[in-house]
Protein backbone atom coordinates (compact mmCIF):
# COMPACT_ATOMS: atom_id res chain seq x y z
CA MET A 1 -0.02 0.04 -0.03
CA VAL A 2 0.98 3.60 -0.62
CA LYS A 3 0.62 5.23 2.78
CA LYS A 4 2.61 8.33 2.69
CA CYS A 5 2.85 11.42 0.27
CA LEU A 6 5.84 13.67 -0.07
CA PHE A 7 5.36 17.31 -0.82
CA PRO A 8 8.64 19.03 -2.01
CA ALA A 9 7.97 22.69 -0.99
CA ALA A 10 11.39 24.24 -0.46
CA GLY A 11 11.70 26.20 -3.72
CA TYR A 12 11.80 29.95 -3.95
CA GLY A 13 8.95 30.48 -6.35
CA THR A 14 10.89 33.18 -8.20
CA ARG A 15 8.35 33.40 -11.04
CA PHE A 16 5.91 34.96 -8.56
CA LEU A 17 8.18 37.52 -7.01
CA PRO A 18 7.67 39.85 -5.21
CA ALA A 19 4.56 37.94 -3.93
CA THR A 20 6.68 34.99 -2.88
CA LYS A 21 9.38 37.07 -1.15
CA ALA A 22 8.03 36.35 2.25
CA THR A 23 5.12 33.97 1.27
CA PRO A 24 5.73 30.25 0.18
CA LYS A 25 4.44 29.73 -3.33
CA GLU A 26 2.66 26.62 -2.06
CA MET A 27 0.51 29.00 0.05
CA LEU A 28 -0.62 31.07 -2.80
CA PRO A 29 -4.45 30.78 -2.85
CA VAL A 30 -6.62 29.62 -5.73
CA LEU A 31 -9.81 31.15 -4.56
CA THR A 32 -9.76 30.75 -0.70
CA LYS A 33 -7.42 27.63 -0.47
CA PRO A 34 -3.76 27.53 -0.82
CA LEU A 35 -2.28 25.26 -3.46
CA ILE A 36 -0.73 22.86 -1.01
CA GLN A 37 -4.10 22.27 0.64
CA TYR A 38 -5.54 21.05 -2.70
CA GLY A 39 -2.64 18.63 -2.96
CA VAL A 40 -3.21 17.38 0.62
CA GLU A 41 -6.92 16.94 -0.10
CA GLU A 42 -5.95 14.91 -3.22
CA ALA A 43 -3.78 12.62 -1.20
CA LEU A 44 -6.41 12.11 1.44
CA GLU A 45 -9.02 11.22 -1.17
CA ALA A 46 -6.48 8.58 -2.31
CA ASN A 47 -6.55 7.14 1.22
CA ILE A 48 -3.19 8.58 2.17
CA LYS A 49 -3.05 10.11 5.58
CA THR A 50 0.63 10.63 6.25
CA MET A 51 1.92 13.86 4.75
CA ALA A 52 5.66 14.50 4.59
CA VAL A 53 6.59 18.03 3.59
CA ILE A 54 10.08 19.14 2.57
CA THR A 55 10.38 22.87 3.50
CA GLY A 56 13.10 25.51 3.71
CA ARG A 57 13.73 28.89 5.16
CA GLY A 58 10.80 31.20 5.11
CA LYS A 59 8.28 28.31 4.80
CA ARG A 60 6.87 28.30 8.36
CA ALA A 61 3.46 29.42 7.05
CA ILE A 62 2.90 25.95 5.65
CA GLU A 63 3.35 24.28 9.14
CA ASP A 64 1.14 27.04 10.67
CA HIS A 65 -1.59 26.36 8.11
CA PHE A 66 -1.81 22.75 9.02
CA ASP A 67 -2.01 23.46 12.67
CA ILE A 68 -4.85 24.78 14.98
CA SER A 69 -5.09 28.49 15.44
CA TYR A 70 -6.84 28.67 18.73
CA GLU A 71 -7.05 32.48 18.78
CA LEU A 72 -8.63 32.59 15.30
CA GLU A 73 -10.99 29.88 16.15
CA HIS A 74 -12.03 31.59 19.34
CA GLN A 75 -12.64 34.83 17.49
CA ILE A 76 -14.97 33.35 14.90
CA LYS A 77 -16.67 30.77 17.15
CA ASP A 78 -20.44 30.89 16.91
CA THR A 79 -20.28 33.38 14.01
CA SER A 80 -21.27 33.12 10.44
CA LYS A 81 -17.63 32.62 9.51
CA GLU A 82 -17.01 29.47 11.64
CA HIS A 83 -17.77 27.11 8.80
CA LEU A 84 -14.91 28.63 6.81
CA LEU A 85 -12.35 26.55 8.84
CA THR A 86 -14.27 23.30 8.49
CA GLU A 87 -12.26 21.89 5.56
CA ILE A 88 -8.83 22.67 7.08
CA ARG A 89 -9.78 21.46 10.58
CA SER A 90 -10.89 18.20 8.89
CA LEU A 91 -7.47 17.71 7.19
CA ILE A 92 -5.70 18.55 10.59
CA GLU A 93 -7.78 15.85 12.28
CA LYS A 94 -7.48 13.16 9.65
CA CYS A 95 -3.86 13.58 8.60
CA THR A 96 -0.43 13.44 10.22
CA PHE A 97 2.04 16.02 9.04
CA SER A 98 5.83 15.85 9.44
CA TYR A 99 8.41 18.21 8.11
CA THR A 100 12.10 18.35 7.34
CA ARG A 101 14.22 21.15 5.71
CA GLN A 102 16.10 21.07 2.43
CA VAL A 103 19.01 23.20 3.52
CA GLU A 104 20.40 23.68 -0.08
CA MET A 105 18.30 24.08 -3.22
CA LYS A 106 19.78 21.19 -5.34
CA GLY A 107 16.91 20.26 -7.43
CA LEU A 108 13.77 18.06 -7.17
CA GLY A 109 15.79 14.79 -6.86
CA HIS A 110 17.68 16.21 -3.89
CA ALA A 111 14.43 17.44 -2.29
CA ILE A 112 12.96 13.84 -2.61
CA LEU A 113 16.21 12.35 -1.22
CA THR A 114 15.86 14.75 1.82
CA GLY A 115 12.54 13.16 2.44
CA GLU A 116 13.94 9.75 3.05
CA THR A 117 13.96 10.13 6.81
CA LEU A 118 10.26 10.90 6.69
CA ILE A 119 9.33 8.15 4.27
CA GLY A 120 11.54 5.11 5.21
CA ASN A 121 11.70 1.93 3.23
CA GLU A 122 8.25 1.92 1.53
CA PRO A 123 6.61 3.10 -1.68
CA PHE A 124 5.43 6.60 -1.61
CA ALA A 125 3.52 9.29 -3.57
CA VAL A 126 4.89 12.73 -4.50
CA ILE A 127 2.81 15.81 -5.20
CA LEU A 128 4.15 18.99 -6.64
CA ALA A 129 1.62 21.49 -5.29
CA ASP A 130 2.03 23.92 -8.15
CA ASP A 131 0.59 21.35 -10.52
CA LEU A 132 -3.05 21.65 -9.54
CA CYS A 133 -5.09 18.77 -10.91
CA THR A 134 -8.90 18.29 -10.87
CA ASN A 135 -11.19 15.47 -12.03
CA SER A 136 -14.91 14.88 -11.52
CA ASN A 137 -14.28 11.17 -10.72
CA ASP A 138 -11.19 9.57 -9.20
CA ASN A 139 -8.39 12.07 -8.67
CA VAL A 140 -5.05 11.73 -10.41
CA LEU A 141 -3.27 10.21 -7.47
CA LYS A 142 -5.98 7.72 -6.86
CA GLN A 143 -5.87 6.67 -10.45
CA MET A 144 -1.99 6.27 -10.22
CA ILE A 145 -2.27 4.11 -7.10
CA GLU A 146 -4.47 1.71 -8.97
CA ILE A 147 -1.89 1.59 -11.70
CA TYR A 148 0.81 1.01 -9.03
CA GLU A 149 -1.15 -1.90 -7.56
CA LYS A 150 -1.11 -3.57 -10.96
CA TYR A 151 2.51 -3.05 -11.98
CA GLN A 152 4.32 -2.62 -8.53
CA CYS A 153 6.92 -0.22 -9.91
CA SER A 154 7.47 3.56 -10.09
CA ILE A 155 4.67 5.47 -11.78
CA VAL A 156 4.89 8.95 -13.38
CA ALA A 157 1.91 10.95 -14.57
CA ILE A 158 2.17 12.23 -18.16
CA GLU A 159 0.22 14.45 -20.51
CA GLU A 160 0.74 15.48 -24.15
CA ILE A 161 2.16 19.01 -24.53
CA PRO A 162 2.95 21.20 -27.48
CA LYS A 163 6.26 20.14 -28.91
CA ASP A 164 7.81 23.54 -28.52
CA GLU A 165 7.24 23.27 -24.67
CA THR A 166 9.43 20.11 -24.03
CA HIS A 167 12.15 22.38 -22.57
CA LYS A 168 9.95 22.93 -19.51
CA TYR A 169 9.57 19.30 -18.61
CA GLY A 170 10.96 15.78 -18.18
CA VAL A 171 9.89 13.95 -21.35
CA ILE A 172 9.44 10.28 -21.67
CA ASP A 173 9.69 7.58 -24.47
CA GLY A 174 8.22 4.21 -24.27
CA HIS A 175 5.89 1.65 -25.60
CA LEU A 176 2.23 1.24 -25.07
CA VAL A 177 1.34 -1.74 -22.73
CA ASP A 178 -2.32 -1.07 -22.13
CA ASN A 179 -4.17 1.25 -24.57
CA THR A 180 -7.41 1.04 -22.50
CA GLU A 181 -5.64 2.85 -19.58
CA ASP A 182 -3.08 4.85 -21.58
CA VAL A 183 -0.22 3.09 -19.77
CA TYR A 184 3.38 3.07 -21.20
CA ARG A 185 6.48 1.11 -20.24
CA VAL A 186 9.21 3.85 -20.13
CA THR A 187 12.39 3.22 -22.15
CA ASN A 188 13.81 6.58 -21.95
CA MET A 189 13.46 9.99 -20.23
CA VAL A 190 15.14 13.24 -20.80
CA GLU A 191 14.99 16.34 -18.53
CA LYS A 192 13.90 19.52 -20.28
CA PRO A 193 15.08 18.69 -23.84
CA ASP A 194 14.96 21.11 -26.73
CA SER A 195 12.13 20.18 -29.10
CA LYS A 196 14.53 18.79 -31.74
CA ASP A 197 16.02 16.41 -29.14
CA ALA A 198 12.74 15.40 -27.28
CA PRO A 199 11.91 11.76 -27.66
CA SER A 200 8.15 12.50 -27.69
CA ASN A 201 5.68 15.21 -26.55
CA MET A 202 4.66 13.27 -23.45
CA ALA A 203 5.69 15.29 -20.45
CA ILE A 204 5.92 14.25 -16.82
CA ILE A 205 3.81 16.32 -14.50
CA GLY A 206 3.96 16.84 -10.80
CA ARG A 207 2.54 13.42 -9.65
CA TYR A 208 4.82 10.35 -8.90
CA ILE A 209 4.55 7.13 -7.00
CA LEU A 210 8.10 5.85 -6.29
CA THR A 211 9.52 2.72 -4.98
CA PRO A 212 12.00 3.14 -2.01
CA ASP A 213 15.08 2.00 -4.10
CA ILE A 214 14.87 5.56 -5.70
CA PHE A 215 16.67 6.87 -2.57
CA ASP A 216 19.88 4.72 -3.17
CA ILE A 217 19.79 5.70 -6.86
CA LEU A 218 19.38 9.43 -5.99
CA ARG A 219 22.48 9.20 -3.68
CA GLU A 220 24.51 8.02 -6.68
CA THR A 221 22.88 10.48 -9.14
CA SER A 222 25.25 13.20 -10.45
CA PRO A 223 23.97 16.77 -10.99
CA GLY A 224 22.34 17.08 -14.35
CA LYS A 225 20.45 19.77 -16.12
CA GLY A 226 20.97 23.12 -14.41
CA GLY A 227 23.55 21.69 -12.14
CA GLU A 228 20.74 20.04 -10.06
CA ILE A 229 20.00 16.53 -9.01
CA GLN A 230 17.18 15.56 -11.25
CA ILE A 231 14.48 12.99 -10.39
CA THR A 232 14.25 12.21 -14.17
CA ASP A 233 17.86 11.03 -14.20
CA ALA A 234 17.23 8.81 -11.26
CA LEU A 235 14.01 7.38 -12.74
CA LEU A 236 15.88 6.69 -15.93
CA GLU A 237 18.05 4.13 -13.98
CA GLN A 238 14.80 2.35 -12.96
CA ALA A 239 13.49 2.58 -16.58
CA LYS A 240 16.56 0.76 -17.92
CA ALA A 241 15.40 -2.15 -15.82
CA GLY A 242 11.79 -1.85 -17.07
CA LYS A 243 10.62 -0.56 -13.75
CA VAL A 244 8.85 2.74 -14.65
CA ILE A 245 5.33 3.10 -15.93
CA ALA A 246 3.98 6.29 -17.38
CA TYR A 247 0.36 6.91 -17.07
CA LYS A 248 -1.61 9.38 -19.16
CA PHE A 249 -4.00 10.46 -16.45
CA LYS A 250 -7.67 11.40 -16.79
CA GLY A 251 -8.39 14.92 -15.64
CA LYS A 252 -7.22 18.53 -16.05
CA ARG A 253 -3.86 20.03 -14.82
CA PHE A 254 -3.10 23.61 -14.31
CA ASP A 255 0.54 24.76 -14.16
CA CYS A 256 0.20 27.09 -11.09
CA GLY A 257 3.99 27.55 -11.17
CA SER A 258 3.39 30.05 -13.96
CA VAL A 259 1.25 33.21 -13.83
CA ASP A 260 -0.84 32.13 -16.78
CA GLY A 261 -1.68 28.78 -15.34
CA PHE A 262 -2.33 30.25 -11.89
CA VAL A 263 -4.91 32.76 -13.46
CA GLU A 264 -6.44 29.95 -15.60
CA ALA A 265 -6.87 27.71 -12.48
CA THR A 266 -8.45 30.69 -10.45
CA ASN A 267 -10.88 31.41 -13.34
CA TYR A 268 -11.70 27.69 -13.66
CA PHE A 269 -12.49 27.10 -10.07
CA TYR A 270 -14.32 30.48 -9.73
CA ASN A 271 -16.63 29.52 -12.67
CA LYS A 272 -17.07 26.04 -11.21
CA THR A 273 -18.43 27.55 -7.90
CA LYS A 274 -20.87 29.70 -9.97
CA GLY A 275 -22.00 26.85 -12.12
């Protein structure tokens, strides 16, 4: 079973400066909920109750958000605003949160390796909060867990992107093993390739299920693109042994790490509340 979800949340969020100068990008709200809360809700809906968060300097707001604010609750008790804290109180009661800091920003692979002490020797999910996903049926992580239970190896979520955007993503190559579920056995993956070098237009988005041997691989992974330790490079080692599945998920993703995607998500969820 996948019982833990890792949230890498130590990045600076420079694309949202100056808003993220003192506010974690994971705490930027889409309507009235911060991005990371959407991610935690997705994990909980997939029956994961242990949340492991990789933070850094200036990220205390994340820990405070998933904690009880007695003064605030006292102030709004028995008022018309009391219900506004119902969702977050439910998460606090149902989930366990643990935190560790990524002292140096050395890439997503390094952030995941930093989480080893919180995860231990078991398979785990990874959610990047700035990839906000929505679906009217099973959410993306729940879909992926079903795929994991079938194949018992690392799973990455993918979607087709315009060819000229491959330089923003890890891109996979592979062969279709189940066309009813859009499942591919990964044979190659490249981090942020130029369009002319990309093996396909199928990009990895911020949802993973990883087997625990990824930690040993990450320890031996040299810095790659941008001088950072890339999870894509570590996953490639698993893929060479046929142990990575790519799943073209059902649902909609918003790239809330970009201003355009953040605005698109805000408009989508606002219109949904009005519909």
